[in-house]
Amino acid sequence: MIRNRNNVSSFITKDRSKIWELFHPSSSPANGFSVAEALVEPGQETDAHRHILSQEIYYILEGTGKMRVDKELSDVSAGDAVFMKPGMAHNVKNTGSGPLRILCICCPHYSHEDTVLVKTQKI
């Protein structure tokens, strides 16, 4: 199965990022994981959140930003991969002048019910 992001409808996740779900059990033969592209516009910051069950990897495709995982704040840019265990609070802010595009891989798959917003200071 081949999917092109341009042929997939986008939606807004619980953390307020725009997502194109490329593979998810609800719309593909993928089982137990999901793969999506997220877009964070310049100056935009996602809401801090954690996942109860899902471990997650962010792979930065394009752009630059600041990424918070629990209490650690790091600069991220194209080519960086960030791993989050279940329960780790995380969010990202686009600090560049262009789009911040992130490949998001969740196992088990992404769901709103597994996503818990957490209160934290803005980046």
N, C-alpha and C. Protein backbone atom coordinates (compact mmCIF):
# COMPACT_ATOMS: atom_id res chain seq x y z
N MET A 1 0.85 -1.18 0.00
CA MET A 1 0.00 0.00 0.00
C MET A 1 0.89 1.24 0.00
N ILE A 2 0.58 2.17 -0.88
CA ILE A 2 1.31 3.43 -0.96
C ILE A 2 0.33 4.56 -0.69
N ARG A 3 0.73 5.47 0.18
CA ARG A 3 -0.08 6.65 0.48
C ARG A 3 0.74 7.89 0.20
N ASN A 4 0.12 8.89 -0.37
CA ASN A 4 0.74 10.19 -0.59
C ASN A 4 0.04 11.21 0.30
N ARG A 5 0.81 11.98 1.04
CA ARG A 5 0.22 12.95 1.96
C ARG A 5 -0.76 13.88 1.26
N ASN A 6 -0.51 14.20 0.01
CA ASN A 6 -1.39 15.11 -0.71
C ASN A 6 -2.77 14.51 -0.97
N ASN A 7 -2.90 13.20 -0.79
CA ASN A 7 -4.18 12.53 -1.01
C ASN A 7 -4.86 12.11 0.29
N VAL A 8 -4.36 12.61 1.41
CA VAL A 8 -4.90 12.26 2.72
C VAL A 8 -5.47 13.52 3.36
N SER A 9 -6.66 13.44 3.92
CA SER A 9 -7.27 14.59 4.60
C SER A 9 -6.54 14.88 5.90
N SER A 10 -6.41 16.15 6.22
CA SER A 10 -5.76 16.55 7.47
C SER A 10 -6.82 16.75 8.56
N PHE A 11 -6.36 16.74 9.80
CA PHE A 11 -7.22 17.09 10.93
C PHE A 11 -6.35 17.68 12.03
N ILE A 12 -6.96 18.28 13.02
CA ILE A 12 -6.25 18.90 14.14
C ILE A 12 -6.31 17.93 15.32
N THR A 13 -5.13 17.62 15.87
CA THR A 13 -5.06 16.70 17.01
C THR A 13 -5.36 17.44 18.31
N LYS A 14 -5.40 16.69 19.37
CA LYS A 14 -5.70 17.25 20.69
C LYS A 14 -4.65 18.30 21.11
N ASP A 15 -3.41 18.16 20.62
CA ASP A 15 -2.35 19.13 20.98
C ASP A 15 -2.33 20.34 20.05
N ARG A 16 -3.27 20.44 19.13
CA ARG A 16 -3.47 21.55 18.20
C ARG A 16 -2.52 21.55 17.01
N SER A 17 -1.90 20.42 16.68
CA SER A 17 -1.08 20.37 15.47
C SER A 17 -1.94 19.83 14.32
N LYS A 18 -1.57 20.24 13.12
CA LYS A 18 -2.26 19.76 11.92
C LYS A 18 -1.59 18.47 11.50
N ILE A 19 -2.39 17.43 11.27
CA ILE A 19 -1.88 16.08 11.03
C ILE A 19 -2.47 15.48 9.75
N TRP A 20 -1.62 14.76 9.03
CA TRP A 20 -2.06 13.91 7.92
C TRP A 20 -1.71 12.49 8.34
N GLU A 21 -2.70 11.67 8.63
CA GLU A 21 -2.45 10.30 9.05
C GLU A 21 -2.23 9.43 7.82
N LEU A 22 -1.01 8.97 7.66
CA LEU A 22 -0.66 8.15 6.50
C LEU A 22 -1.06 6.69 6.70
N PHE A 23 -0.78 6.17 7.89
CA PHE A 23 -1.15 4.80 8.22
C PHE A 23 -1.70 4.76 9.64
N HIS A 24 -2.88 4.20 9.77
CA HIS A 24 -3.57 4.07 11.06
C HIS A 24 -4.52 2.88 10.93
N PRO A 25 -4.69 2.10 11.99
CA PRO A 25 -5.58 0.93 11.89
C PRO A 25 -6.99 1.25 11.40
N SER A 26 -7.47 2.48 11.63
CA SER A 26 -8.83 2.82 11.21
C SER A 26 -8.95 3.07 9.71
N SER A 27 -7.80 3.27 9.03
CA SER A 27 -7.88 3.61 7.61
C SER A 27 -6.89 2.86 6.73
N SER A 28 -6.23 1.87 7.29
CA SER A 28 -5.24 1.11 6.51
C SER A 28 -5.04 -0.26 7.15
N PRO A 29 -4.26 -1.12 6.51
CA PRO A 29 -3.97 -2.42 7.12
C PRO A 29 -2.97 -2.36 8.28
N ALA A 30 -2.44 -1.16 8.58
CA ALA A 30 -1.50 -1.02 9.70
C ALA A 30 -2.16 -1.53 10.97
N ASN A 31 -1.40 -2.27 11.76
CA ASN A 31 -1.96 -2.86 12.97
C ASN A 31 -1.02 -2.57 14.15
N GLY A 32 -1.51 -1.84 15.15
CA GLY A 32 -0.74 -1.60 16.35
C GLY A 32 0.15 -0.38 16.33
N PHE A 33 0.17 0.36 15.23
CA PHE A 33 0.99 1.58 15.16
C PHE A 33 0.33 2.57 14.21
N SER A 34 0.82 3.81 14.24
CA SER A 34 0.37 4.81 13.27
C SER A 34 1.56 5.65 12.84
N VAL A 35 1.45 6.17 11.62
CA VAL A 35 2.46 7.06 11.06
C VAL A 35 1.71 8.27 10.50
N ALA A 36 2.16 9.46 10.91
CA ALA A 36 1.49 10.68 10.46
C ALA A 36 2.52 11.78 10.24
N GLU A 37 2.17 12.74 9.41
CA GLU A 37 2.98 13.95 9.28
C GLU A 37 2.27 15.08 10.01
N ALA A 38 3.03 15.79 10.85
CA ALA A 38 2.49 16.94 11.58
C ALA A 38 3.10 18.21 11.00
N LEU A 39 2.32 19.28 11.02
CA LEU A 39 2.79 20.58 10.57
C LEU A 39 2.58 21.57 11.70
N VAL A 40 3.66 22.26 12.06
CA VAL A 40 3.59 23.33 13.06
C VAL A 40 4.08 24.59 12.35
N GLU A 41 3.22 25.57 12.25
CA GLU A 41 3.53 26.81 11.53
C GLU A 41 4.52 27.67 12.33
N PRO A 42 5.24 28.60 11.67
CA PRO A 42 6.19 29.47 12.37
C PRO A 42 5.53 30.18 13.57
N GLY A 43 6.21 30.13 14.71
CA GLY A 43 5.70 30.76 15.94
C GLY A 43 4.68 29.94 16.69
N GLN A 44 4.14 28.89 16.06
CA GLN A 44 3.12 28.07 16.72
C GLN A 44 3.79 27.08 17.67
N GLU A 45 3.10 26.78 18.77
CA GLU A 45 3.55 25.81 19.75
C GLU A 45 2.42 24.83 20.03
N THR A 46 2.73 23.56 20.03
CA THR A 46 1.71 22.57 20.36
C THR A 46 1.46 22.58 21.86
N ASP A 47 0.30 22.09 22.27
CA ASP A 47 0.00 21.97 23.68
C ASP A 47 0.77 20.80 24.26
N ALA A 48 1.32 20.99 25.46
CA ALA A 48 2.04 19.90 26.12
C ALA A 48 1.05 18.77 26.43
N HIS A 49 1.51 17.55 26.20
CA HIS A 49 0.65 16.39 26.39
C HIS A 49 1.51 15.15 26.65
N ARG A 50 0.85 14.11 27.08
CA ARG A 50 1.51 12.82 27.24
C ARG A 50 0.55 11.76 26.74
N HIS A 51 1.09 10.59 26.49
CA HIS A 51 0.28 9.46 26.07
C HIS A 51 0.33 8.40 27.16
N ILE A 52 -0.81 7.85 27.47
CA ILE A 52 -0.91 6.86 28.54
C ILE A 52 -0.23 5.56 28.12
N LEU A 53 -0.51 5.09 26.90
CA LEU A 53 0.00 3.81 26.42
C LEU A 53 1.05 3.93 25.32
N SER A 54 0.92 4.92 24.48
CA SER A 54 1.76 5.00 23.28
C SER A 54 3.16 5.51 23.57
N GLN A 55 4.15 4.83 22.97
CA GLN A 55 5.47 5.40 22.84
C GLN A 55 5.47 6.10 21.48
N GLU A 56 6.29 7.15 21.37
CA GLU A 56 6.20 7.97 20.17
C GLU A 56 7.59 8.40 19.73
N ILE A 57 7.77 8.48 18.42
CA ILE A 57 8.99 9.02 17.83
C ILE A 57 8.59 10.19 16.95
N TYR A 58 9.28 11.32 17.13
CA TYR A 58 9.17 12.45 16.21
C TYR A 58 10.44 12.45 15.37
N TYR A 59 10.28 12.46 14.06
CA TYR A 59 11.43 12.60 13.16
C TYR A 59 11.23 13.92 12.42
N ILE A 60 12.16 14.86 12.61
CA ILE A 60 12.02 16.19 12.02
C ILE A 60 12.38 16.12 10.54
N LEU A 61 11.40 16.39 9.70
CA LEU A 61 11.58 16.36 8.25
C LEU A 61 12.10 17.69 7.70
N GLU A 62 11.61 18.80 8.29
CA GLU A 62 11.93 20.13 7.78
C GLU A 62 11.71 21.14 8.89
N GLY A 63 12.59 22.16 8.94
CA GLY A 63 12.40 23.25 9.87
C GLY A 63 13.23 23.12 11.13
N THR A 64 13.00 24.10 12.03
CA THR A 64 13.70 24.13 13.32
C THR A 64 12.70 24.43 14.42
N GLY A 65 13.04 23.97 15.62
CA GLY A 65 12.15 24.22 16.74
C GLY A 65 12.82 23.95 18.07
N LYS A 66 12.04 24.14 19.11
CA LYS A 66 12.41 23.79 20.48
C LYS A 66 11.46 22.67 20.89
N MET A 67 12.04 21.60 21.44
CA MET A 67 11.27 20.43 21.84
C MET A 67 11.44 20.22 23.33
N ARG A 68 10.31 20.10 24.03
CA ARG A 68 10.35 19.79 25.46
C ARG A 68 9.90 18.35 25.64
N VAL A 69 10.72 17.57 26.36
CA VAL A 69 10.35 16.23 26.79
C VAL A 69 10.56 16.20 28.30
N ASP A 70 9.44 16.06 29.03
CA ASP A 70 9.43 16.24 30.48
C ASP A 70 10.05 17.59 30.80
N LYS A 71 11.16 17.65 31.51
CA LYS A 71 11.73 18.96 31.88
C LYS A 71 12.90 19.37 31.01
N GLU A 72 13.25 18.53 30.03
CA GLU A 72 14.39 18.81 29.16
C GLU A 72 13.94 19.57 27.91
N LEU A 73 14.61 20.68 27.63
CA LEU A 73 14.31 21.52 26.47
C LEU A 73 15.50 21.45 25.52
N SER A 74 15.25 21.11 24.25
CA SER A 74 16.33 20.95 23.27
C SER A 74 15.96 21.60 21.95
N ASP A 75 16.97 22.08 21.24
CA ASP A 75 16.78 22.54 19.87
C ASP A 75 16.66 21.32 18.96
N VAL A 76 15.76 21.38 17.99
CA VAL A 76 15.62 20.30 17.01
C VAL A 76 15.60 20.89 15.61
N SER A 77 16.08 20.09 14.66
CA SER A 77 16.07 20.51 13.26
C SER A 77 16.01 19.28 12.37
N ALA A 78 15.89 19.51 11.08
CA ALA A 78 15.75 18.42 10.11
C ALA A 78 16.81 17.36 10.34
N GLY A 79 16.37 16.10 10.39
CA GLY A 79 17.26 14.98 10.60
C GLY A 79 17.28 14.47 12.03
N ASP A 80 16.76 15.25 12.98
CA ASP A 80 16.72 14.82 14.38
C ASP A 80 15.54 13.89 14.62
N ALA A 81 15.77 12.90 15.49
CA ALA A 81 14.71 11.98 15.91
C ALA A 81 14.62 12.06 17.44
N VAL A 82 13.39 12.13 17.96
CA VAL A 82 13.15 12.25 19.40
C VAL A 82 12.24 11.11 19.81
N PHE A 83 12.64 10.38 20.85
CA PHE A 83 11.86 9.25 21.36
C PHE A 83 11.21 9.63 22.69
N MET A 84 9.91 9.36 22.83
CA MET A 84 9.18 9.61 24.07
C MET A 84 8.53 8.31 24.53
N LYS A 85 8.82 7.93 25.78
CA LYS A 85 8.17 6.77 26.39
C LYS A 85 6.75 7.16 26.80
N PRO A 86 5.87 6.19 27.00
CA PRO A 86 4.53 6.51 27.52
C PRO A 86 4.66 7.29 28.83
N GLY A 87 3.82 8.29 28.98
CA GLY A 87 3.82 9.09 30.20
C GLY A 87 4.71 10.31 30.18
N MET A 88 5.61 10.42 29.20
CA MET A 88 6.52 11.58 29.14
C MET A 88 5.79 12.76 28.51
N ALA A 89 5.72 13.86 29.24
CA ALA A 89 5.09 15.07 28.71
C ALA A 89 5.98 15.66 27.62
N HIS A 90 5.37 16.14 26.54
CA HIS A 90 6.15 16.71 25.45
C HIS A 90 5.34 17.71 24.63
N ASN A 91 6.07 18.63 24.03
CA ASN A 91 5.51 19.57 23.07
C ASN A 91 6.64 20.19 22.27
N VAL A 92 6.28 20.89 21.21
CA VAL A 92 7.28 21.47 20.33
C VAL A 92 6.81 22.85 19.87
N LYS A 93 7.78 23.75 19.68
CA LYS A 93 7.49 25.09 19.15
C LYS A 93 8.34 25.30 17.91
N ASN A 94 7.72 25.83 16.87
CA ASN A 94 8.43 26.17 15.65
C ASN A 94 9.14 27.50 15.90
N THR A 95 10.48 27.49 15.88
CA THR A 95 11.26 28.71 16.10
C THR A 95 11.83 29.26 14.79
N GLY A 96 11.53 28.61 13.69
CA GLY A 96 12.06 29.04 12.39
C GLY A 96 11.11 29.94 11.64
N SER A 97 11.52 30.30 10.43
CA SER A 97 10.69 31.18 9.60
C SER A 97 9.83 30.40 8.60
N GLY A 98 10.07 29.09 8.50
CA GLY A 98 9.29 28.24 7.61
C GLY A 98 8.57 27.16 8.40
N PRO A 99 7.88 26.27 7.70
CA PRO A 99 7.13 25.22 8.38
C PRO A 99 8.04 24.25 9.13
N LEU A 100 7.54 23.72 10.24
CA LEU A 100 8.18 22.63 10.96
C LEU A 100 7.36 21.39 10.65
N ARG A 101 7.96 20.46 9.89
CA ARG A 101 7.27 19.23 9.48
C ARG A 101 7.87 18.07 10.23
N ILE A 102 7.02 17.27 10.86
CA ILE A 102 7.46 16.17 11.72
C ILE A 102 6.74 14.89 11.32
N LEU A 103 7.51 13.82 11.18
CA LEU A 103 6.93 12.49 11.02
C LEU A 103 6.72 11.93 12.42
N CYS A 104 5.49 11.55 12.73
CA CYS A 104 5.13 11.05 14.07
C CYS A 104 4.78 9.57 13.96
N ILE A 105 5.47 8.77 14.74
CA ILE A 105 5.23 7.33 14.75
C ILE A 105 4.80 6.95 16.16
N CYS A 106 3.62 6.36 16.29
CA CYS A 106 3.07 5.98 17.60
C CYS A 106 2.83 4.47 17.64
N CYS A 107 3.17 3.88 18.77
CA CYS A 107 2.91 2.46 18.97
C CYS A 107 2.50 2.24 20.43
N PRO A 108 1.28 1.81 20.74
CA PRO A 108 0.18 1.59 19.80
C PRO A 108 -0.24 2.90 19.13
N HIS A 109 -1.12 2.80 18.16
CA HIS A 109 -1.50 3.92 17.31
C HIS A 109 -2.04 5.11 18.10
N TYR A 110 -1.94 6.29 17.44
CA TYR A 110 -2.44 7.54 18.03
C TYR A 110 -3.94 7.44 18.27
N SER A 111 -4.37 7.98 19.41
CA SER A 111 -5.80 8.18 19.65
C SER A 111 -5.98 9.37 20.59
N HIS A 112 -7.07 10.10 20.41
CA HIS A 112 -7.38 11.22 21.29
C HIS A 112 -7.53 10.73 22.73
N GLU A 113 -8.09 9.53 22.91
CA GLU A 113 -8.35 8.99 24.25
C GLU A 113 -7.05 8.68 25.00
N ASP A 114 -5.96 8.42 24.27
CA ASP A 114 -4.66 8.11 24.88
C ASP A 114 -3.83 9.37 25.11
N THR A 115 -4.35 10.52 24.71
CA THR A 115 -3.63 11.78 24.79
C THR A 115 -4.19 12.61 25.94
N VAL A 116 -3.32 12.97 26.88
CA VAL A 116 -3.71 13.75 28.05
C VAL A 116 -2.95 15.08 28.01
N LEU A 117 -3.68 16.19 27.98
CA LEU A 117 -3.04 17.50 28.01
C LEU A 117 -2.49 17.76 29.42
N VAL A 118 -1.33 18.40 29.47
CA VAL A 118 -0.71 18.73 30.76
C VAL A 118 -0.41 20.21 30.80
N LYS A 119 -0.44 20.78 31.99
CA LYS A 119 -0.15 22.20 32.14
C LYS A 119 1.36 22.37 32.32
N THR A 120 1.90 23.30 31.55
CA THR A 120 3.31 23.64 31.65
C THR A 120 3.50 25.03 31.08
N GLN A 121 4.63 25.65 31.39
CA GLN A 121 4.92 26.96 30.82
C GLN A 121 5.14 26.84 29.32
N LYS A 122 4.82 27.88 28.62
CA LYS A 122 5.09 27.91 27.18
C LYS A 122 6.60 27.90 26.96
N ILE A 123 7.01 27.36 25.83
CA ILE A 123 8.43 27.33 25.47
C ILE A 123 8.88 28.74 25.12
